C-alpha cells in the first residue's frame, strides 16, 4: 500500500509537470502521438533518483573493528591525545596482546606524499594490567636495548609507514625517512619481531637477517641508500 501511495504521488506530481510544460492552449493541434511521447519523457524523469556511486561505496565500506577504550587510553598516554591506533591483537604471534599506534600527519594540499606519514609511532605489549612500550619510532628507531640498526644518524621528523601482517612472522613494519618530499631512492627500513632475541629489531637490506642494536648513534651504521 505504501508503494502504491508513493507511486500515486509521483504520478500526480508528474501530471502537474506535464501541465506546466505543455500549457492547455498549446495542446490544440498537436498530434496525440506527440503528446504521448512528451508525457513518457517527463514521467520517465520523475521519482526518486538512484543513490550516487560514492554513496553506494560509502554504504558498502565495512566498518573497522572498534578500538577498546583500554587500548586507546594506553596509546594516548604514550603519544598524546592525537593518537590513532592502527592495529591491535597478537601482532607478533607470541600469544601476547600488542597494539601499533601513531601520530599521523593529516593530508593537506601541501602534504601530497603518497602513503601514511607519521611523526611518531609505538608498539606496546600488555604485561599484566599495564602496557609496556617495546618499540618506538620518533626521530630515531629504538627499542629497550638501544638504537636499531640502519637508524639514520640525523634526526627524522617524518616517516612513511607501511605495515602488513604475515600469518607466521606476524607484524612487519617498513619505515622510510621523509625529508620534505618522498625520495624514491631511499629504501625503507624493515622492522620485525625477532623470536630468538624476543624483541623488535631492524633487518638488513635483504630483509632476511636481524641487526643488533647500539647504545650510541655513532655505531648504528646508517646506510639509507
N, C-alpha and C. Protein backbone atom coordinates (compact mmCIF):
# COMPACT_ATOMS: atom_id res chain seq x y z
N UNK A 1 0.82 -1.20 0.00
CA UNK A 1 0.00 0.00 0.00
C UNK A 1 0.86 1.26 0.00
N UNK A 2 2.00 1.21 0.76
CA UNK A 2 2.88 2.36 0.82
C UNK A 2 3.46 2.66 -0.55
N UNK A 3 3.87 1.59 -1.28
CA UNK A 3 4.43 1.78 -2.62
C UNK A 3 3.38 2.35 -3.55
N UNK A 4 2.12 1.87 -3.41
CA UNK A 4 1.05 2.35 -4.27
C UNK A 4 0.82 3.83 -4.03
N UNK A 5 0.83 4.23 -2.74
CA UNK A 5 0.62 5.64 -2.43
C UNK A 5 1.76 6.48 -2.96
N UNK A 6 2.99 5.94 -2.83
CA UNK A 6 4.17 6.66 -3.32
C UNK A 6 4.09 6.84 -4.82
N UNK A 7 3.72 5.77 -5.53
CA UNK A 7 3.63 5.85 -6.98
C UNK A 7 2.53 6.82 -7.40
N UNK A 8 1.41 6.83 -6.66
CA UNK A 8 0.32 7.74 -7.00
C UNK A 8 0.77 9.18 -6.81
N UNK A 9 1.53 9.42 -5.75
CA UNK A 9 2.04 10.76 -5.51
C UNK A 9 2.96 11.20 -6.62
N UNK A 10 3.85 10.28 -7.06
CA UNK A 10 4.76 10.60 -8.16
C UNK A 10 3.98 10.86 -9.44
N UNK A 11 2.93 10.05 -9.67
CA UNK A 11 2.15 10.23 -10.88
C UNK A 11 1.47 11.58 -10.87
N UNK A 12 0.96 11.99 -9.68
CA UNK A 12 0.29 13.28 -9.59
C UNK A 12 1.26 14.42 -9.86
N UNK A 13 2.47 14.32 -9.26
CA UNK A 13 3.45 15.37 -9.48
C UNK A 13 3.88 15.41 -10.94
N UNK A 14 3.98 14.25 -11.59
CA UNK A 14 4.34 14.21 -12.99
C UNK A 14 3.26 14.85 -13.85
N UNK A 15 2.00 14.63 -13.46
CA UNK A 15 0.91 15.23 -14.22
C UNK A 15 1.00 16.74 -14.13
N UNK A 16 1.35 17.26 -12.94
CA UNK A 16 1.50 18.69 -12.79
C UNK A 16 2.63 19.21 -13.67
N UNK A 17 3.76 18.42 -13.77
CA UNK A 17 4.88 18.82 -14.61
C UNK A 17 4.48 18.86 -16.07
N UNK A 18 3.66 17.88 -16.49
CA UNK A 18 3.22 17.85 -17.88
C UNK A 18 2.35 19.06 -18.17
N UNK A 19 1.49 19.40 -17.18
CA UNK A 19 0.63 20.55 -17.38
C UNK A 19 1.42 21.83 -17.46
N UNK A 20 2.52 21.91 -16.65
CA UNK A 20 3.34 23.11 -16.69
C UNK A 20 4.15 23.19 -17.96
N UNK A 21 4.62 22.02 -18.44
CA UNK A 21 5.44 22.02 -19.64
C UNK A 21 4.62 22.24 -20.90
N UNK A 22 3.36 21.78 -20.89
CA UNK A 22 2.50 21.91 -22.06
C UNK A 22 1.22 22.64 -21.65
N UNK A 23 1.24 23.97 -21.63
CA UNK A 23 0.03 24.71 -21.27
C UNK A 23 -1.14 24.29 -22.14
N UNK A 24 -2.36 24.34 -21.56
CA UNK A 24 -3.55 23.84 -22.23
C UNK A 24 -3.77 24.44 -23.61
N UNK A 25 -3.56 25.76 -23.84
CA UNK A 25 -3.79 26.29 -25.19
C UNK A 25 -2.90 25.68 -26.24
N UNK A 26 -1.72 25.17 -25.83
CA UNK A 26 -0.78 24.63 -26.80
C UNK A 26 -1.15 23.20 -27.20
N UNK A 27 -2.04 22.55 -26.41
CA UNK A 27 -2.37 21.17 -26.76
C UNK A 27 -3.12 21.06 -28.06
N UNK A 28 -3.89 22.13 -28.39
CA UNK A 28 -4.73 22.06 -29.58
C UNK A 28 -3.87 22.02 -30.83
N UNK A 29 -4.17 21.10 -31.70
CA UNK A 29 -3.46 20.99 -32.97
C UNK A 29 -2.24 20.12 -32.93
N UNK A 30 -1.87 19.63 -31.71
CA UNK A 30 -0.70 18.75 -31.61
C UNK A 30 -1.17 17.32 -31.71
N UNK A 31 -0.56 16.52 -32.60
CA UNK A 31 -0.98 15.12 -32.74
C UNK A 31 -0.90 14.39 -31.40
N UNK A 32 -1.81 13.45 -31.22
CA UNK A 32 -1.87 12.71 -29.95
C UNK A 32 -0.61 11.92 -29.68
N UNK A 33 0.02 11.39 -30.74
CA UNK A 33 1.23 10.58 -30.54
C UNK A 33 2.37 11.42 -29.98
N UNK A 34 2.42 12.71 -30.40
CA UNK A 34 3.46 13.59 -29.88
C UNK A 34 3.23 13.87 -28.40
N UNK A 35 1.96 14.09 -28.06
CA UNK A 35 1.64 14.32 -26.65
C UNK A 35 2.01 13.11 -25.79
N UNK A 36 1.75 11.91 -26.32
CA UNK A 36 2.09 10.70 -25.58
C UNK A 36 3.59 10.59 -25.37
N UNK A 37 4.38 10.91 -26.42
CA UNK A 37 5.84 10.84 -26.31
C UNK A 37 6.36 11.83 -25.27
N UNK A 38 5.79 13.06 -25.28
CA UNK A 38 6.21 14.05 -24.30
C UNK A 38 5.89 13.60 -22.89
N UNK A 39 4.73 12.99 -22.72
CA UNK A 39 4.33 12.50 -21.41
C UNK A 39 5.27 11.41 -20.90
N UNK A 40 5.68 10.49 -21.78
CA UNK A 40 6.59 9.41 -21.40
C UNK A 40 7.94 9.96 -20.96
N UNK A 41 8.46 10.98 -21.69
CA UNK A 41 9.76 11.57 -21.34
C UNK A 41 9.71 12.20 -19.97
N UNK A 42 8.64 12.97 -19.70
CA UNK A 42 8.54 13.64 -18.41
C UNK A 42 8.34 12.66 -17.27
N UNK A 43 7.47 11.67 -17.48
CA UNK A 43 7.22 10.68 -16.44
C UNK A 43 8.47 9.86 -16.16
N UNK A 44 9.28 9.57 -17.20
CA UNK A 44 10.50 8.78 -17.01
C UNK A 44 11.49 9.48 -16.11
N UNK A 45 11.44 10.84 -16.08
CA UNK A 45 12.36 11.57 -15.22
C UNK A 45 11.86 11.76 -13.82
N UNK A 46 10.62 11.32 -13.50
CA UNK A 46 10.05 11.51 -12.17
C UNK A 46 10.50 10.41 -11.23
N UNK A 47 10.18 10.60 -9.97
CA UNK A 47 10.50 9.58 -8.97
C UNK A 47 11.81 9.89 -8.29
N UNK A 48 12.17 9.09 -7.31
CA UNK A 48 13.39 9.30 -6.55
C UNK A 48 14.58 8.89 -7.38
N UNK A 49 15.66 9.70 -7.31
CA UNK A 49 16.87 9.41 -8.07
C UNK A 49 17.66 8.31 -7.38
N UNK A 50 18.35 7.46 -8.14
CA UNK A 50 19.14 6.38 -7.51
C UNK A 50 20.32 6.95 -6.76
N UNK A 51 20.82 6.25 -5.73
CA UNK A 51 21.97 6.75 -4.98
C UNK A 51 23.19 6.84 -5.86
N UNK A 52 24.01 7.86 -5.60
CA UNK A 52 25.22 8.06 -6.39
C UNK A 52 26.21 6.95 -6.13
N UNK A 53 27.17 6.71 -7.05
CA UNK A 53 28.18 5.66 -6.82
C UNK A 53 28.95 5.86 -5.54
N UNK A 54 29.27 7.14 -5.21
CA UNK A 54 30.02 7.39 -3.99
C UNK A 54 29.22 7.00 -2.76
N UNK A 55 27.89 7.26 -2.81
CA UNK A 55 27.04 6.88 -1.68
C UNK A 55 26.96 5.37 -1.55
N UNK A 56 26.89 4.68 -2.70
CA UNK A 56 26.85 3.22 -2.66
C UNK A 56 28.14 2.65 -2.08
N UNK A 57 29.29 3.24 -2.46
CA UNK A 57 30.58 2.77 -1.95
C UNK A 57 30.66 3.01 -0.45
N UNK A 58 30.13 4.18 0.00
CA UNK A 58 30.18 4.50 1.42
C UNK A 58 29.36 3.51 2.22
N UNK A 59 28.18 3.10 1.66
CA UNK A 59 27.35 2.14 2.35
C UNK A 59 27.99 0.76 2.37
N UNK A 60 28.71 0.41 1.28
CA UNK A 60 29.30 -0.93 1.17
C UNK A 60 30.60 -1.05 1.95
N UNK A 61 31.23 0.08 2.33
CA UNK A 61 32.52 0.05 3.01
C UNK A 61 32.34 -0.53 4.41
N UNK A 62 33.03 -1.63 4.73
CA UNK A 62 32.86 -2.24 6.05
C UNK A 62 33.51 -1.40 7.13
N UNK A 63 32.91 -1.32 8.27
CA UNK A 63 33.47 -0.58 9.40
C UNK A 63 34.58 -1.39 10.04
N UNK A 64 35.68 -0.71 10.42
CA UNK A 64 36.79 -1.38 11.05
C UNK A 64 36.43 -1.77 12.49
N UNK A 65 37.21 -2.65 13.09
CA UNK A 65 36.92 -3.06 14.46
C UNK A 65 37.06 -1.90 15.43
N UNK A 66 36.17 -1.80 16.37
CA UNK A 66 36.21 -0.73 17.35
C UNK A 66 37.44 -0.88 18.25
N UNK A 67 38.09 0.25 18.55
CA UNK A 67 39.27 0.22 19.40
C UNK A 67 38.81 0.15 20.86
N UNK A 68 39.21 -0.87 21.61
CA UNK A 68 38.83 -0.94 23.02
C UNK A 68 39.33 0.29 23.78
N UNK A 69 38.52 0.85 24.66
CA UNK A 69 38.94 2.04 25.41
C UNK A 69 40.26 1.87 26.15
N UNK A 70 40.51 0.67 26.66
CA UNK A 70 41.76 0.41 27.39
C UNK A 70 42.97 0.63 26.49
N UNK A 71 42.88 0.18 25.23
CA UNK A 71 44.00 0.32 24.30
C UNK A 71 44.15 1.78 23.87
N UNK A 72 43.04 2.45 23.60
CA UNK A 72 43.12 3.85 23.21
C UNK A 72 43.71 4.71 24.33
N UNK A 73 43.32 4.42 25.57
CA UNK A 73 43.86 5.17 26.71
C UNK A 73 45.36 4.95 26.84
N UNK A 74 45.80 3.70 26.65
CA UNK A 74 47.24 3.41 26.74
C UNK A 74 48.01 4.11 25.62
N UNK A 75 47.44 4.13 24.42
CA UNK A 75 48.09 4.80 23.29
C UNK A 75 48.18 6.30 23.54
N UNK A 76 47.12 6.89 24.10
CA UNK A 76 47.13 8.32 24.40
C UNK A 76 48.19 8.67 25.44
N UNK A 77 48.40 7.78 26.40
CA UNK A 77 49.41 8.04 27.42
C UNK A 77 50.82 8.01 26.83
N UNK A 78 51.02 7.20 25.81
CA UNK A 78 52.35 7.08 25.20
C UNK A 78 52.64 8.17 24.18
N UNK A 79 51.61 8.59 23.43
CA UNK A 79 51.85 9.52 22.32
C UNK A 79 51.00 10.78 22.37
N UNK A 80 50.13 10.92 23.34
CA UNK A 80 49.29 12.11 23.41
C UNK A 80 47.90 11.84 22.87
N UNK A 81 47.05 12.89 22.97
CA UNK A 81 45.63 12.73 22.63
C UNK A 81 45.38 12.59 21.13
N UNK A 82 46.30 13.06 20.28
CA UNK A 82 46.11 12.96 18.83
C UNK A 82 46.73 11.67 18.31
N UNK A 83 46.36 10.55 18.91
CA UNK A 83 46.97 9.26 18.57
C UNK A 83 45.94 8.36 17.92
N UNK A 84 46.35 7.67 16.88
CA UNK A 84 45.46 6.73 16.19
C UNK A 84 46.01 5.32 16.34
N UNK A 85 45.18 4.42 16.83
CA UNK A 85 45.55 3.00 16.94
C UNK A 85 45.33 2.36 15.58
N UNK A 86 46.38 1.81 15.00
CA UNK A 86 46.31 1.22 13.66
C UNK A 86 46.02 -0.28 13.70
N UNK A 87 46.61 -0.99 14.64
CA UNK A 87 46.42 -2.43 14.76
C UNK A 87 46.45 -2.82 16.23
N UNK A 88 45.76 -3.89 16.56
CA UNK A 88 45.88 -4.45 17.90
C UNK A 88 45.56 -5.94 17.84
N UNK A 89 46.10 -6.66 18.81
CA UNK A 89 45.92 -8.11 18.84
C UNK A 89 47.24 -8.80 19.08
N UNK A 90 47.31 -10.07 18.73
CA UNK A 90 48.55 -10.85 18.86
C UNK A 90 49.44 -10.55 17.65
N UNK A 91 50.00 -9.35 17.61
CA UNK A 91 50.71 -8.88 16.42
C UNK A 91 51.99 -9.66 16.14
N UNK A 92 52.72 -10.05 17.18
CA UNK A 92 54.00 -10.73 16.99
C UNK A 92 53.87 -12.25 17.01
N UNK A 93 52.65 -12.76 17.12
CA UNK A 93 52.41 -14.20 17.18
C UNK A 93 53.13 -14.85 18.36
N UNK A 94 53.08 -14.15 19.50
CA UNK A 94 53.71 -14.67 20.72
C UNK A 94 52.67 -15.06 21.76
N UNK A 95 51.40 -14.81 21.47
CA UNK A 95 50.35 -15.07 22.45
C UNK A 95 50.05 -13.89 23.33
N UNK A 96 50.82 -12.79 23.19
CA UNK A 96 50.60 -11.59 23.99
C UNK A 96 49.90 -10.52 23.15
N UNK A 97 49.10 -9.71 23.82
CA UNK A 97 48.39 -8.64 23.16
C UNK A 97 49.31 -7.43 22.94
N UNK A 98 49.25 -6.87 21.74
CA UNK A 98 50.05 -5.69 21.40
C UNK A 98 49.16 -4.72 20.62
N UNK A 99 49.64 -3.48 20.51
CA UNK A 99 48.99 -2.54 19.60
C UNK A 99 50.04 -1.67 18.93
N UNK A 100 49.73 -1.24 17.72
CA UNK A 100 50.54 -0.30 16.96
C UNK A 100 49.76 1.00 16.87
N UNK A 101 50.36 2.09 17.35
CA UNK A 101 49.70 3.39 17.32
C UNK A 101 50.66 4.43 16.78
N UNK A 102 50.11 5.53 16.26
CA UNK A 102 50.96 6.54 15.64
C UNK A 102 50.30 7.91 15.68
N UNK A 103 51.14 8.94 15.58
CA UNK A 103 50.69 10.31 15.31
C UNK A 103 50.79 10.51 13.81
N UNK A 104 49.65 10.57 13.15
CA UNK A 104 49.61 10.62 11.68
C UNK A 104 49.49 12.07 11.22
N UNK A 105 50.28 12.41 10.21
CA UNK A 105 50.23 13.75 9.63
C UNK A 105 49.02 13.82 8.70
N UNK A 106 48.07 14.73 8.93
CA UNK A 106 46.88 14.79 8.08
C UNK A 106 47.22 15.23 6.66
N UNK A 107 46.42 14.77 5.71
CA UNK A 107 46.62 15.14 4.31
C UNK A 107 46.16 16.59 4.09
N UNK A 108 47.01 17.37 3.42
CA UNK A 108 46.70 18.75 3.06
C UNK A 108 47.21 18.99 1.64
N UNK A 109 46.83 20.11 1.01
CA UNK A 109 47.38 20.40 -0.33
C UNK A 109 48.90 20.43 -0.36
N UNK A 110 49.53 20.83 0.75
CA UNK A 110 50.99 20.87 0.79
C UNK A 110 51.58 19.49 1.10
N UNK A 111 50.80 18.64 1.74
CA UNK A 111 51.26 17.29 2.06
C UNK A 111 50.59 16.31 1.10
N UNK A 112 51.22 16.14 -0.07
CA UNK A 112 50.67 15.24 -1.08
C UNK A 112 51.52 13.98 -1.23
N UNK A 113 52.30 13.65 -0.20
CA UNK A 113 53.15 12.46 -0.24
C UNK A 113 52.27 11.22 -0.14
N UNK A 114 52.53 10.26 -1.01
CA UNK A 114 51.74 9.04 -1.03
C UNK A 114 52.03 8.21 0.21
N UNK A 115 51.00 7.65 0.81
CA UNK A 115 51.18 6.77 1.95
C UNK A 115 50.84 7.44 3.26
N UNK A 116 51.01 6.68 4.34
CA UNK A 116 50.73 7.17 5.68
C UNK A 116 52.00 7.78 6.26
N UNK A 117 51.96 9.08 6.55
CA UNK A 117 53.12 9.78 7.10
C UNK A 117 52.90 9.98 8.59
N UNK A 118 53.88 9.59 9.39
CA UNK A 118 53.76 9.70 10.84
C UNK A 118 54.96 10.47 11.38
N UNK A 119 54.75 11.12 12.50
CA UNK A 119 55.85 11.76 13.20
C UNK A 119 56.39 10.86 14.31
N UNK A 120 55.48 10.08 14.90
CA UNK A 120 55.88 9.13 15.94
C UNK A 120 54.99 7.89 15.85
N UNK A 121 55.55 6.76 16.27
CA UNK A 121 54.78 5.51 16.31
C UNK A 121 55.36 4.63 17.41
N UNK A 122 54.51 3.81 18.00
CA UNK A 122 54.97 2.90 19.05
C UNK A 122 54.28 1.55 18.89
N UNK A 123 54.95 0.54 19.40
CA UNK A 123 54.33 -0.77 19.61
C UNK A 123 54.39 -1.02 21.11
N UNK A 124 53.25 -1.34 21.69
CA UNK A 124 53.18 -1.62 23.12
C UNK A 124 52.66 -3.03 23.33
N UNK A 125 53.13 -3.65 24.41
CA UNK A 125 52.76 -5.03 24.75
C UNK A 125 52.13 -5.04 26.13
N UNK A 126 51.08 -5.83 26.26
CA UNK A 126 50.40 -5.90 27.55
C UNK A 126 51.13 -6.87 28.47
N UNK A 127 51.47 -6.37 29.64
CA UNK A 127 52.14 -7.18 30.65
C UNK A 127 51.37 -7.03 31.95
N UNK A 128 50.60 -8.05 32.28
CA UNK A 128 49.74 -7.95 33.46
C UNK A 128 48.59 -6.99 33.19
N UNK A 129 48.50 -5.96 34.01
CA UNK A 129 47.45 -4.95 33.85
C UNK A 129 47.95 -3.68 33.17
N UNK A 130 49.20 -3.67 32.74
CA UNK A 130 49.77 -2.46 32.15
C UNK A 130 50.26 -2.73 30.72
N UNK A 131 50.49 -1.64 30.01
CA UNK A 131 51.01 -1.71 28.64
C UNK A 131 52.42 -1.15 28.62
N UNK A 132 53.39 -1.96 28.16
CA UNK A 132 54.79 -1.56 28.11
C UNK A 132 55.20 -1.25 26.68
N UNK A 133 55.84 -0.12 26.49
CA UNK A 133 56.36 0.25 25.16
C UNK A 133 57.57 -0.62 24.83
N UNK A 134 57.54 -1.31 23.68
CA UNK A 134 58.65 -2.18 23.31
C UNK A 134 59.32 -1.75 22.00
N UNK A 135 58.74 -0.78 21.31
CA UNK A 135 59.37 -0.22 20.11
C UNK A 135 58.87 1.20 19.95
N UNK A 136 59.80 2.09 19.54
CA UNK A 136 59.42 3.49 19.30
C UNK A 136 60.08 4.00 18.03
N UNK A 137 59.29 4.72 17.27
CA UNK A 137 59.76 5.44 16.08
C UNK A 137 59.44 6.91 16.31
N UNK A 138 60.48 7.72 16.51
CA UNK A 138 60.28 9.17 16.56
C UNK A 138 61.34 9.81 15.68
N UNK A 139 62.29 10.50 16.22
CA UNK A 139 63.40 10.99 15.39
C UNK A 139 64.35 9.86 15.02
N UNK A 140 64.28 8.79 15.80
CA UNK A 140 65.12 7.61 15.57
C UNK A 140 64.26 6.35 15.78
N UNK A 141 64.85 5.20 15.50
CA UNK A 141 64.19 3.92 15.73
C UNK A 141 64.86 3.25 16.92
N UNK A 142 64.05 2.90 17.93
CA UNK A 142 64.63 2.41 19.18
C UNK A 142 63.79 1.30 19.78
N UNK A 143 64.46 0.45 20.58
CA UNK A 143 63.78 -0.45 21.50
C UNK A 143 64.47 -0.32 22.85
N UNK A 144 64.14 -1.18 23.78
CA UNK A 144 64.70 -1.03 25.13
C UNK A 144 66.21 -1.24 25.18
N UNK A 145 66.76 -1.88 24.14
CA UNK A 145 68.21 -2.15 24.13
C UNK A 145 69.02 -1.07 23.43
N UNK A 146 68.36 -0.11 22.79
CA UNK A 146 69.10 0.96 22.14
C UNK A 146 68.54 1.31 20.77
N UNK A 147 69.42 1.92 19.96
CA UNK A 147 69.04 2.34 18.61
C UNK A 147 69.12 1.16 17.65
N UNK A 148 68.12 1.03 16.80
CA UNK A 148 68.09 -0.08 15.84
C UNK A 148 69.08 0.14 14.71
N UNK A 149 69.59 -0.96 14.17
CA UNK A 149 70.49 -0.87 13.04
C UNK A 149 69.84 -0.17 11.86
N UNK A 150 70.64 0.60 11.11
CA UNK A 150 70.22 1.40 9.96
C UNK A 150 69.44 2.65 10.33
N UNK A 151 69.28 2.91 11.63
CA UNK A 151 68.65 4.16 12.03
C UNK A 151 69.46 5.35 11.52
N UNK A 152 68.83 6.33 10.87
CA UNK A 152 69.58 7.48 10.37
C UNK A 152 70.30 8.23 11.49
N UNK A 153 71.50 8.69 11.20
CA UNK A 153 72.26 9.45 12.18
C UNK A 153 71.57 10.78 12.46
N UNK A 154 71.10 11.43 11.39
CA UNK A 154 70.40 12.70 11.55
C UNK A 154 68.96 12.45 11.98
N UNK A 155 68.42 13.29 12.85
CA UNK A 155 67.04 13.09 13.32
C UNK A 155 66.04 13.23 12.18
N UNK A 156 65.04 12.37 12.18
CA UNK A 156 64.00 12.35 11.16
C UNK A 156 62.69 12.84 11.78
N UNK A 157 62.05 13.81 11.14
CA UNK A 157 60.82 14.37 11.68
C UNK A 157 59.57 13.73 11.08
N UNK A 158 59.73 12.96 10.01
CA UNK A 158 58.58 12.31 9.39
C UNK A 158 58.98 10.99 8.75
N UNK A 159 58.10 10.00 8.88
CA UNK A 159 58.34 8.67 8.32
C UNK A 159 57.13 8.24 7.51
N UNK A 160 57.38 7.59 6.39
CA UNK A 160 56.29 6.94 5.68
C UNK A 160 56.16 5.52 6.23
N UNK A 161 55.01 5.23 6.80
CA UNK A 161 54.79 3.96 7.49
C UNK A 161 53.98 3.00 6.62
N UNK A 162 54.54 1.82 6.43
CA UNK A 162 53.82 0.72 5.77
C UNK A 162 53.90 -0.49 6.69
N UNK A 163 52.86 -1.29 6.70
CA UNK A 163 52.88 -2.47 7.56
C UNK A 163 51.99 -3.55 6.97
N UNK A 164 52.29 -4.78 7.36
CA UNK A 164 51.49 -5.93 6.94
C UNK A 164 51.56 -7.00 8.01
N UNK A 165 50.60 -7.90 7.99
CA UNK A 165 50.55 -8.98 8.96
C UNK A 165 50.82 -10.30 8.26
N UNK A 166 52.00 -10.88 8.52
CA UNK A 166 52.35 -12.18 7.96
C UNK A 166 51.74 -13.27 8.84
N UNK A 167 51.13 -14.29 8.24
CA UNK A 167 50.48 -15.34 9.06
C UNK A 167 51.44 -16.03 10.02
N UNK A 168 52.73 -16.11 9.66
CA UNK A 168 53.70 -16.80 10.52
C UNK A 168 54.59 -15.83 11.29
N UNK A 169 55.13 -14.82 10.60
CA UNK A 169 56.07 -13.91 11.24
C UNK A 169 55.37 -12.85 12.09
N UNK A 170 54.13 -12.57 11.76
CA UNK A 170 53.44 -11.52 12.48
C UNK A 170 53.63 -10.16 11.83
N UNK A 171 53.65 -9.13 12.65
CA UNK A 171 53.71 -7.75 12.16
C UNK A 171 55.04 -7.45 11.50
N UNK A 172 54.96 -6.83 10.33
CA UNK A 172 56.16 -6.41 9.59
C UNK A 172 56.00 -4.93 9.27
N UNK A 173 56.94 -4.10 9.75
CA UNK A 173 56.93 -2.66 9.52
C UNK A 173 57.96 -2.28 8.48
N UNK A 174 57.63 -1.27 7.68
CA UNK A 174 58.57 -0.70 6.71
C UNK A 174 58.51 0.81 6.88
N UNK A 175 59.63 1.39 7.31
CA UNK A 175 59.69 2.81 7.64
C UNK A 175 60.68 3.52 6.73
N UNK A 176 60.17 4.53 6.00
CA UNK A 176 61.01 5.28 5.06
C UNK A 176 61.13 6.72 5.55
N UNK A 177 62.36 7.22 5.76
CA UNK A 177 62.52 8.61 6.18
C UNK A 177 61.99 9.56 5.11
N UNK A 178 61.30 10.59 5.55
CA UNK A 178 60.74 11.60 4.64
C UNK A 178 61.35 12.94 5.00
N UNK A 179 61.96 13.58 4.02
CA UNK A 179 62.55 14.91 4.22
C UNK A 179 61.97 15.84 3.16
N UNK A 180 60.87 16.50 3.50
CA UNK A 180 60.23 17.42 2.57
C UNK A 180 59.37 16.68 1.57
N UNK A 181 60.00 15.93 0.67
CA UNK A 181 59.28 15.12 -0.30
C UNK A 181 59.84 13.71 -0.27
N UNK A 182 59.03 12.77 -0.71
CA UNK A 182 59.47 11.37 -0.69
C UNK A 182 60.56 11.15 -1.74
N UNK A 183 61.61 10.47 -1.34
CA UNK A 183 62.71 10.14 -2.24
C UNK A 183 62.57 8.68 -2.63
N UNK A 184 62.33 8.43 -3.91
CA UNK A 184 62.11 7.06 -4.37
C UNK A 184 63.36 6.20 -4.23
N UNK A 185 64.53 6.84 -4.06
CA UNK A 185 65.78 6.07 -3.98
C UNK A 185 66.11 5.63 -2.55
N UNK A 186 65.38 6.13 -1.58
CA UNK A 186 65.61 5.74 -0.19
C UNK A 186 64.84 4.46 0.10
N UNK A 187 65.54 3.45 0.53
CA UNK A 187 64.89 2.17 0.82
C UNK A 187 64.28 2.19 2.21
N UNK A 188 63.14 1.57 2.39
CA UNK A 188 62.54 1.51 3.72
C UNK A 188 63.35 0.62 4.66
N UNK A 189 63.28 0.94 5.93
CA UNK A 189 63.92 0.13 6.97
C UNK A 189 62.89 -0.87 7.47
N UNK A 190 63.22 -2.15 7.38
CA UNK A 190 62.31 -3.19 7.83
C UNK A 190 62.47 -3.48 9.31
N UNK A 191 61.37 -3.63 10.01
CA UNK A 191 61.38 -3.94 11.44
C UNK A 191 60.42 -5.10 11.69
N UNK A 192 60.92 -6.14 12.37
CA UNK A 192 60.09 -7.31 12.69
C UNK A 192 60.41 -7.80 14.09
N UNK A 193 59.56 -8.69 14.57
CA UNK A 193 59.81 -9.35 15.85
C UNK A 193 60.82 -10.46 15.65
N UNK A 194 61.89 -10.43 16.43
CA UNK A 194 62.91 -11.47 16.40
C UNK A 194 62.57 -12.49 17.49
N UNK A 195 62.12 -13.69 17.13
CA UNK A 195 61.71 -14.66 18.16
C UNK A 195 62.86 -15.13 19.03
N UNK A 196 64.09 -15.09 18.51
CA UNK A 196 65.23 -15.52 19.33
C UNK A 196 65.63 -14.45 20.34
N UNK A 197 65.67 -13.19 19.90
CA UNK A 197 66.02 -12.10 20.81
C UNK A 197 64.83 -11.64 21.63
N UNK A 198 63.63 -12.03 21.18
CA UNK A 198 62.38 -11.68 21.86
C UNK A 198 62.18 -10.16 21.95
N UNK A 199 62.39 -9.49 20.82
CA UNK A 199 62.13 -8.06 20.72
C UNK A 199 62.10 -7.66 19.24
N UNK A 200 61.56 -6.47 18.99
CA UNK A 200 61.53 -5.96 17.61
C UNK A 200 62.91 -5.42 17.25
N UNK A 201 63.41 -5.87 16.09
CA UNK A 201 64.70 -5.41 15.59
C UNK A 201 64.58 -5.06 14.10
N UNK A 202 65.54 -4.28 13.62
CA UNK A 202 65.57 -3.95 12.20
C UNK A 202 66.25 -5.06 11.42
N UNK A 203 66.02 -5.05 10.11
CA UNK A 203 66.57 -6.07 9.21
C UNK A 203 67.61 -5.45 8.29
N UNK A 204 68.50 -6.30 7.78
CA UNK A 204 69.48 -5.81 6.82
C UNK A 204 68.78 -5.54 5.49
N UNK A 205 69.57 -5.14 4.48
CA UNK A 205 68.99 -4.71 3.21
C UNK A 205 68.38 -5.86 2.41
N UNK A 206 68.64 -7.09 2.78
CA UNK A 206 67.99 -8.23 2.13
C UNK A 206 66.66 -8.56 2.81
N UNK A 207 66.40 -7.91 3.95
CA UNK A 207 65.20 -8.16 4.75
C UNK A 207 65.12 -9.62 5.21
N UNK A 208 66.30 -10.20 5.45
CA UNK A 208 66.36 -11.60 5.87
C UNK A 208 67.06 -11.79 7.21
N UNK A 209 67.98 -10.88 7.57
CA UNK A 209 68.78 -11.06 8.78
C UNK A 209 68.58 -9.87 9.72
N UNK A 210 68.47 -10.18 11.01
CA UNK A 210 68.27 -9.15 12.01
C UNK A 210 69.59 -8.44 12.32
N UNK A 211 69.47 -7.16 12.65
CA UNK A 211 70.62 -6.34 13.03
C UNK A 211 70.55 -6.04 14.52
N UNK A 212 71.68 -6.04 15.18
CA UNK A 212 71.71 -5.77 16.61
C UNK A 212 71.58 -4.27 16.86
N UNK A 213 71.19 -3.94 18.09
CA UNK A 213 71.05 -2.54 18.46
C UNK A 213 72.40 -1.95 18.89
N UNK A 214 72.40 -0.63 19.06
CA UNK A 214 73.58 0.06 19.55
C UNK A 214 73.17 1.09 20.58
N UNK A 215 73.90 1.20 21.69
CA UNK A 215 73.55 2.23 22.68
C UNK A 215 73.89 3.63 22.20
N UNK A 216 74.74 3.74 21.16
CA UNK A 216 75.16 5.04 20.66
C UNK A 216 74.84 5.16 19.17
N UNK A 217 74.44 6.35 18.73
CA UNK A 217 74.12 6.56 17.32
C UNK A 217 75.35 6.41 16.43
N UNK A 218 76.53 6.70 16.95
CA UNK A 218 77.74 6.63 16.13
C UNK A 218 78.03 5.21 15.66
N UNK A 219 77.47 4.21 16.33
CA UNK A 219 77.72 2.83 15.95
C UNK A 219 76.56 2.19 15.21
N UNK A 220 75.58 3.00 14.81
CA UNK A 220 74.39 2.46 14.16
C UNK A 220 74.67 2.04 12.72
N UNK A 221 75.63 2.70 12.07
CA UNK A 221 75.97 2.42 10.67
C UNK A 221 74.77 2.66 9.75
N UNK A 222 74.34 3.90 9.74
CA UNK A 222 73.20 4.26 8.91
C UNK A 222 73.57 4.16 7.44
N UNK A 223 72.82 3.35 6.69
CA UNK A 223 73.00 3.17 5.25
C UNK A 223 71.61 3.18 4.61
N UNK A 224 71.16 4.37 4.25
CA UNK A 224 69.79 4.52 3.78
C UNK A 224 69.65 4.19 2.31
N UNK A 225 70.68 4.28 1.50
CA UNK A 225 70.54 4.08 0.05
C UNK A 225 71.04 2.69 -0.35
